Amino acid sequence: MADNSQKMSYHAGEAKGQAQEKASGMIDKANNAAQSTKETMQDAGQNVQAKAQGAVDAVKNATGMNK
């Protein structure tokens, strides 16, 4: 039969493993959030770039520089 210190050691090891698993899950969630933010910002940047190019083309058309 395990004595009290062995039981405490076992439970401490269990708690450590659970804490490590939880931390790993939190890191995964943070990485996923960062990746999602990166993709959103890239999409936004491409959208702004396309709108700016459209504005340039509109000015060129309006001033006759696009001919």
PDB file of N, CA and C in Angstrom:
ATOM      1  N   MET A   1       0.847  -1.184   0.000  1.00  0.00           N
ATOM      2  CA  MET A   1       0.000   0.000   0.000  1.00  0.00           C
ATOM      3  C   MET A   1       0.892   1.247   0.000  1.00  0.00           C
ATOM      4  N   ALA A   2       0.522   2.220  -0.816  1.00  0.00           N
ATOM      5  CA  ALA A   2       1.324   3.432  -0.938  1.00  0.00           C
ATOM      6  C   ALA A   2       1.157   4.294   0.296  1.00  0.00           C
ATOM      7  N   ASP A   3       2.272   4.835   0.739  1.00  0.00           N
ATOM      8  CA  ASP A   3       2.161   5.728   1.888  1.00  0.00           C
ATOM      9  C   ASP A   3       1.734   7.123   1.429  1.00  0.00           C
ATOM     10  N   ASN A   4       1.533   7.982   2.394  1.00  0.00           N
ATOM     11  CA  ASN A   4       0.984   9.310   2.122  1.00  0.00           C
ATOM     12  C   ASN A   4       1.887  10.133   1.199  1.00  0.00           C
ATOM     13  N   SER A   5       3.192  10.060   1.353  1.00  0.00           N
ATOM     14  CA  SER A   5       4.075  10.870   0.511  1.00  0.00           C
ATOM     15  C   SER A   5       4.060  10.369  -0.931  1.00  0.00           C
ATOM     16  N   GLN A   6       3.898   9.060  -1.134  1.00  0.00           N
ATOM     17  CA  GLN A   6       3.792   8.541  -2.494  1.00  0.00           C
ATOM     18  C   GLN A   6       2.503   9.013  -3.158  1.00  0.00           C
ATOM     19  N   LYS A   7       1.428   9.033  -2.386  1.00  0.00           N
ATOM     20  CA  LYS A   7       0.153   9.526  -2.924  1.00  0.00           C
ATOM     21  C   LYS A   7       0.259  11.004  -3.289  1.00  0.00           C
ATOM     22  N   MET A   8       0.895  11.773  -2.405  1.00  0.00           N
ATOM     23  CA  MET A   8       1.046  13.213  -2.679  1.00  0.00           C
ATOM     24  C   MET A   8       1.904  13.420  -3.923  1.00  0.00           C
ATOM     25  N   SER A   9       2.963  12.625  -4.051  1.00  0.00           N
ATOM     26  CA  SER A   9       3.839  12.736  -5.211  1.00  0.00           C
ATOM     27  C   SER A   9       3.074  12.382  -6.484  1.00  0.00           C
ATOM     28  N   TYR A  10       2.280  11.343  -6.417  1.00  0.00           N
ATOM     29  CA  TYR A  10       1.472  10.928  -7.571  1.00  0.00           C
ATOM     30  C   TYR A  10       0.511  12.044  -7.979  1.00  0.00           C
ATOM     31  N   HIS A  11      -0.190  12.617  -6.993  1.00  0.00           N
ATOM     32  CA  HIS A  11      -1.159  13.680  -7.288  1.00  0.00           C
ATOM     33  C   HIS A  11      -0.465  14.943  -7.806  1.00  0.00           C
ATOM     34  N   ALA A  12       0.717  15.222  -7.282  1.00  0.00           N
ATOM     35  CA  ALA A  12       1.475  16.369  -7.781  1.00  0.00           C
ATOM     36  C   ALA A  12       1.856  16.151  -9.241  1.00  0.00           C
ATOM     37  N   GLY A  13       2.261  14.944  -9.566  1.00  0.00           N
ATOM     38  CA  GLY A  13       2.595  14.636 -10.959  1.00  0.00           C
ATOM     39  C   GLY A  13       1.391  14.737 -11.866  1.00  0.00           C
ATOM     40  N   GLU A  14       0.251  14.273 -11.394  1.00  0.00           N
ATOM     41  CA  GLU A  14      -0.990  14.397 -12.164  1.00  0.00           C
ATOM     42  C   GLU A  14      -1.328  15.857 -12.415  1.00  0.00           C
ATOM     43  N   ALA A  15      -1.235  16.667 -11.361  1.00  0.00           N
ATOM     44  CA  ALA A  15      -1.553  18.093 -11.481  1.00  0.00           C
ATOM     45  C   ALA A  15      -0.600  18.775 -12.454  1.00  0.00           C
ATOM     46  N   LYS A  16       0.680  18.397 -12.393  1.00  0.00           N
ATOM     47  CA  LYS A  16       1.668  18.975 -13.315  1.00  0.00           C
ATOM     48  C   LYS A  16       1.315  18.631 -14.760  1.00  0.00           C
ATOM     49  N   GLY A  17       0.965  17.378 -14.992  1.00  0.00           N
ATOM     50  CA  GLY A  17       0.597  16.958 -16.344  1.00  0.00           C
ATOM     51  C   GLY A  17      -0.628  17.686 -16.860  1.00  0.00           C
ATOM     52  N   GLN A  18      -1.604  17.861 -15.989  1.00  0.00           N
ATOM     53  CA  GLN A  18      -2.823  18.577 -16.389  1.00  0.00           C
ATOM     54  C   GLN A  18      -2.518  20.042 -16.678  1.00  0.00           C
ATOM     55  N   ALA A  19      -1.656  20.647 -15.860  1.00  0.00           N
ATOM     56  CA  ALA A  19      -1.283  22.052 -16.086  1.00  0.00           C
ATOM     57  C   ALA A  19      -0.531  22.208 -17.402  1.00  0.00           C
ATOM     58  N   GLN A  20       0.361  21.255 -17.698  1.00  0.00           N
ATOM     59  CA  GLN A  20       1.105  21.324 -18.956  1.00  0.00           C
ATOM     60  C   GLN A  20       0.168  21.170 -20.152  1.00  0.00           C
ATOM     61  N   GLU A  21      -0.794  20.276 -20.038  1.00  0.00           N
ATOM     62  CA  GLU A  21      -1.756  20.066 -21.127  1.00  0.00           C
ATOM     63  C   GLU A  21      -2.609  21.318 -21.344  1.00  0.00           C
ATOM     64  N   LYS A  22      -3.021  21.934 -20.249  1.00  0.00           N
ATOM     65  CA  LYS A  22      -3.824  23.157 -20.351  1.00  0.00           C
ATOM     66  C   LYS A  22      -3.003  24.292 -20.974  1.00  0.00           C
ATOM     67  N   ALA A  23      -1.750  24.408 -20.544  1.00  0.00           N
ATOM     68  CA  ALA A  23      -0.879  25.442 -21.109  1.00  0.00           C
ATOM     69  C   ALA A  23      -0.670  25.216 -22.597  1.00  0.00           C
ATOM     70  N   SER A  24      -0.483  23.962 -22.985  1.00  0.00           N
ATOM     71  CA  SER A  24      -0.302  23.644 -24.400  1.00  0.00           C
ATOM     72  C   SER A  24      -1.542  24.030 -25.205  1.00  0.00           C
ATOM     73  N   GLY A  25      -2.714  23.743 -24.644  1.00  0.00           N
ATOM     74  CA  GLY A  25      -3.960  24.120 -25.315  1.00  0.00           C
ATOM     75  C   GLY A  25      -4.097  25.619 -25.458  1.00  0.00           C
ATOM     76  N   MET A  26      -3.687  26.346 -24.426  1.00  0.00           N
ATOM     77  CA  MET A  26      -3.770  27.809 -24.479  1.00  0.00           C
ATOM     78  C   MET A  26      -2.805  28.372 -25.514  1.00  0.00           C
ATOM     79  N   ILE A  27      -1.626  27.775 -25.612  1.00  0.00           N
ATOM     80  CA  ILE A  27      -0.649  28.218 -26.616  1.00  0.00           C
ATOM     81  C   ILE A  27      -1.187  27.955 -28.016  1.00  0.00           C
ATOM     82  N   ASP A  28      -1.803  26.794 -28.210  1.00  0.00           N
ATOM     83  CA  ASP A  28      -2.403  26.485 -29.513  1.00  0.00           C
ATOM     84  C   ASP A  28      -3.470  27.506 -29.874  1.00  0.00           C
ATOM     85  N   LYS A  29      -4.321  27.851 -28.898  1.00  0.00           N
ATOM     86  CA  LYS A  29      -5.369  28.843 -29.157  1.00  0.00           C
ATOM     87  C   LYS A  29      -4.767  30.202 -29.503  1.00  0.00           C
ATOM     88  N   ALA A  30      -3.713  30.589 -28.785  1.00  0.00           N
ATOM     89  CA  ALA A  30      -3.054  31.867 -29.068  1.00  0.00           C
ATOM     90  C   ALA A  30      -2.427  31.858 -30.457  1.00  0.00           C
ATOM     91  N   ASN A  31      -1.799  30.754 -30.828  1.00  0.00           N
ATOM     92  CA  ASN A  31      -1.210  30.649 -32.174  1.00  0.00           C
ATOM     93  C   ASN A  31      -2.284  30.731 -33.251  1.00  0.00           C
ATOM     94  N   ASN A  32      -3.403  30.068 -33.019  1.00  0.00           N
ATOM     95  CA  ASN A  32      -4.501  30.113 -33.989  1.00  0.00           C
ATOM     96  C   ASN A  32      -5.048  31.530 -34.116  1.00  0.00           C
ATOM     97  N   ALA A  33      -5.177  32.223 -32.991  1.00  0.00           N
ATOM     98  CA  ALA A  33      -5.679  33.607 -33.021  1.00  0.00           C
ATOM     99  C   ALA A  33      -4.693  34.503 -33.769  1.00  0.00           C
ATOM    100  N   ALA A  34      -3.411  34.310 -33.526  1.00  0.00           N
ATOM    101  CA  ALA A  34      -2.400  35.121 -34.211  1.00  0.00           C
ATOM    102  C   ALA A  34      -2.428  34.870 -35.714  1.00  0.00           C
ATOM    103  N   GLN A  35      -2.553  33.609 -36.113  1.00  0.00           N
ATOM    104  CA  GLN A  35      -2.607  33.276 -37.538  1.00  0.00           C
ATOM    105  C   GLN A  35      -3.846  33.887 -38.192  1.00  0.00           C
ATOM    106  N   SER A  36      -4.968  33.806 -37.497  1.00  0.00           N
ATOM    107  CA  SER A  36      -6.208  34.372 -38.018  1.00  0.00           C
ATOM    108  C   SER A  36      -6.084  35.892 -38.183  1.00  0.00           C
ATOM    109  N   THR A  37      -5.479  36.537 -37.199  1.00  0.00           N
ATOM    110  CA  THR A  37      -5.278  37.987 -37.269  1.00  0.00           C
ATOM    111  C   THR A  37      -4.366  38.339 -38.430  1.00  0.00           C
ATOM    112  N   LYS A  38      -3.309  37.555 -38.605  1.00  0.00           N
ATOM    113  CA  LYS A  38      -2.380  37.793 -39.718  1.00  0.00           C
ATOM    114  C   LYS A  38      -3.111  37.704 -41.050  1.00  0.00           C
ATOM    115  N   GLU A  39      -3.924  36.664 -41.213  1.00  0.00           N
ATOM    116  CA  GLU A  39      -4.652  36.479 -42.464  1.00  0.00           C
ATOM    117  C   GLU A  39      -5.659  37.606 -42.684  1.00  0.00           C
ATOM    118  N   THR A  40      -6.324  38.027 -41.623  1.00  0.00           N
ATOM    119  CA  THR A  40      -7.290  39.123 -41.729  1.00  0.00           C
ATOM    120  C   THR A  40      -6.595  40.407 -42.160  1.00  0.00           C
ATOM    121  N   MET A  41      -5.432  40.670 -41.561  1.00  0.00           N
ATOM    122  CA  MET A  41      -4.696  41.887 -41.906  1.00  0.00           C
ATOM    123  C   MET A  41      -4.171  41.823 -43.341  1.00  0.00           C
ATOM    124  N   GLN A  42      -3.740  40.645 -43.780  1.00  0.00           N
ATOM    125  CA  GLN A  42      -3.282  40.515 -45.164  1.00  0.00           C
ATOM    126  C   GLN A  42      -4.434  40.775 -46.127  1.00  0.00           C
ATOM    127  N   ASP A  43      -5.613  40.240 -45.816  1.00  0.00           N
ATOM    128  CA  ASP A  43      -6.795  40.472 -46.649  1.00  0.00           C
ATOM    129  C   ASP A  43      -7.146  41.951 -46.685  1.00  0.00           C
ATOM    130  N   ALA A  44      -7.087  42.590 -45.522  1.00  0.00           N
ATOM    131  CA  ALA A  44      -7.404  44.021 -45.448  1.00  0.00           C
ATOM    132  C   ALA A  44      -6.405  44.827 -46.267  1.00  0.00           C
ATOM    133  N   GLY A  45      -5.133  44.478 -46.176  1.00  0.00           N
ATOM    134  CA  GLY A  45      -4.103  45.183 -46.939  1.00  0.00           C
ATOM    135  C   GLY A  45      -4.304  45.032 -48.439  1.00  0.00           C
ATOM    136  N   GLN A  46      -4.660  43.829 -48.865  1.00  0.00           N
ATOM    137  CA  GLN A  46      -4.909  43.606 -50.290  1.00  0.00           C
ATOM    138  C   GLN A  46      -6.127  44.395 -50.755  1.00  0.00           C
ATOM    139  N   ASN A  47      -7.144  44.472 -49.897  1.00  0.00           N
ATOM    140  CA  ASN A  47      -8.350  45.222 -50.229  1.00  0.00           C
ATOM    141  C   ASN A  47      -8.028  46.708 -50.381  1.00  0.00           C
ATOM    142  N   VAL A  48      -7.248  47.254 -49.452  1.00  0.00           N
ATOM    143  CA  VAL A  48      -6.859  48.666 -49.523  1.00  0.00           C
ATOM    144  C   VAL A  48      -6.025  48.911 -50.773  1.00  0.00           C
ATOM    145  N   GLN A  49      -5.117  48.003 -51.066  1.00  0.00           N
ATOM    146  CA  GLN A  49      -4.268  48.151 -52.246  1.00  0.00           C
ATOM    147  C   GLN A  49      -5.109  48.155 -53.526  1.00  0.00           C
ATOM    148  N   ALA A  50      -6.087  47.276 -53.600  1.00  0.00           N
ATOM    149  CA  ALA A  50      -6.954  47.213 -54.785  1.00  0.00           C
ATOM    150  C   ALA A  50      -7.778  48.495 -54.921  1.00  0.00           C
ATOM    151  N   LYS A  51      -8.283  49.003 -53.802  1.00  0.00           N
ATOM    152  CA  LYS A  51      -9.064  50.244 -53.850  1.00  0.00           C
ATOM    153  C   LYS A  51      -8.192  51.423 -54.266  1.00  0.00           C
ATOM    154  N   ALA A  52      -6.967  51.453 -53.775  1.00  0.00           N
ATOM    155  CA  ALA A  52      -6.055  52.540 -54.156  1.00  0.00           C
ATOM    156  C   ALA A  52      -5.748  52.478 -55.644  1.00  0.00           C
ATOM    157  N   GLN A  53      -5.522  51.277 -56.150  1.00  0.00           N
ATOM    158  CA  GLN A  53      -5.248  51.137 -57.582  1.00  0.00           C
ATOM    159  C   GLN A  53      -6.467  51.568 -58.389  1.00  0.00           C
ATOM    160  N   GLY A  54      -7.664  51.226 -57.902  1.00  0.00           N
ATOM    161  CA  GLY A  54      -8.889  51.670 -58.574  1.00  0.00           C
ATOM    162  C   GLY A  54      -8.995  53.182 -58.597  1.00  0.00           C
ATOM    163  N   ALA A  55      -8.606  53.820 -57.501  1.00  0.00           N
ATOM    164  CA  ALA A  55      -8.648  55.288 -57.447  1.00  0.00           C
ATOM    165  C   ALA A  55      -7.641  55.890 -58.423  1.00  0.00           C
ATOM    166  N   VAL A  56      -6.466  55.316 -58.499  1.00  0.00           N
ATOM    167  CA  VAL A  56      -5.452  55.800 -59.443  1.00  0.00           C
ATOM    168  C   VAL A  56      -5.974  55.676 -60.867  1.00  0.00           C
ATOM    169  N   ASP A  57      -6.555  54.527 -61.182  1.00  0.00           N
ATOM    170  CA  ASP A  57      -7.092  54.319 -62.530  1.00  0.00           C
ATOM    171  C   ASP A  57      -8.215  55.300 -62.832  1.00  0.00           C
ATOM    172  N   ALA A  58      -9.063  55.570 -61.842  1.00  0.00           N
ATOM    173  CA  ALA A  58     -10.161  56.517 -62.049  1.00  0.00           C
ATOM    174  C   ALA A  58      -9.628  57.917 -62.334  1.00  0.00           C
ATOM    175  N   VAL A  59      -8.591  58.336 -61.618  1.00  0.00           N
ATOM    176  CA  VAL A  59      -7.997  59.657 -61.851  1.00  0.00           C
ATOM    177  C   VAL A  59      -7.350  59.690 -63.239  1.00  0.00           C
ATOM    178  N   LYS A  60      -6.659  58.623 -63.595  1.00  0.00           N
ATOM    179  CA  LYS A  60      -6.051  58.585 -64.931  1.00  0.00           C
ATOM    180  C   LYS A  60      -7.103  58.656 -66.020  1.00  0.00           C
ATOM    181  N   ASN A  61      -8.211  57.945 -65.846  1.00  0.00           N
ATOM    182  CA  ASN A  61      -9.284  57.993 -66.832  1.00  0.00           C
ATOM    183  C   ASN A  61      -9.903  59.382 -66.899  1.00  0.00           C
ATOM    184  N   ALA A  62     -10.102  59.984 -65.737  1.00  0.00           N
ATOM    185  CA  ALA A  62     -10.741  61.308 -65.694  1.00  0.00           C
ATOM    186  C   ALA A  62      -9.851  62.383 -66.302  1.00  0.00           C
ATOM    187  N   THR A  63      -8.558  62.237 -66.197  1.00  0.00           N
ATOM    188  CA  THR A  63      -7.651  63.250 -66.720  1.00  0.00           C
ATOM    189  C   THR A  63      -7.109  62.910 -68.114  1.00  0.00           C
ATOM    190  N   GLY A  64      -7.512  61.758 -68.618  1.00  0.00           N
ATOM    191  CA  GLY A  64      -7.070  61.373 -69.949  1.00  0.00           C
ATOM    192  C   GLY A  64      -5.651  60.806 -69.978  1.00  0.00           C
ATOM    193  N   MET A  65      -5.108  60.483 -68.833  1.00  0.00           N
ATOM    194  CA  MET A  65      -3.743  59.958 -68.779  1.00  0.00           C
ATOM    195  C   MET A  65      -3.687  58.447 -69.056  1.00  0.00           C
ATOM    196  N   ASN A  66      -4.840  57.823 -69.186  1.00  0.00           N
ATOM    197  CA  ASN A  66      -4.895  56.372 -69.326  1.00  0.00           C
ATOM    198  C   ASN A  66      -4.998  55.951 -70.788  1.00  0.00           C
ATOM    199  N   LYS A  67      -4.778  56.868 -71.682  1.00  0.00           N
ATOM    200  CA  LYS A  67      -4.943  56.560 -73.104  1.00  0.00           C
ATOM    201  C   LYS A  67      -3.629  56.268 -73.770  1.00  0.00           C
TER     202      LYS A  67
END
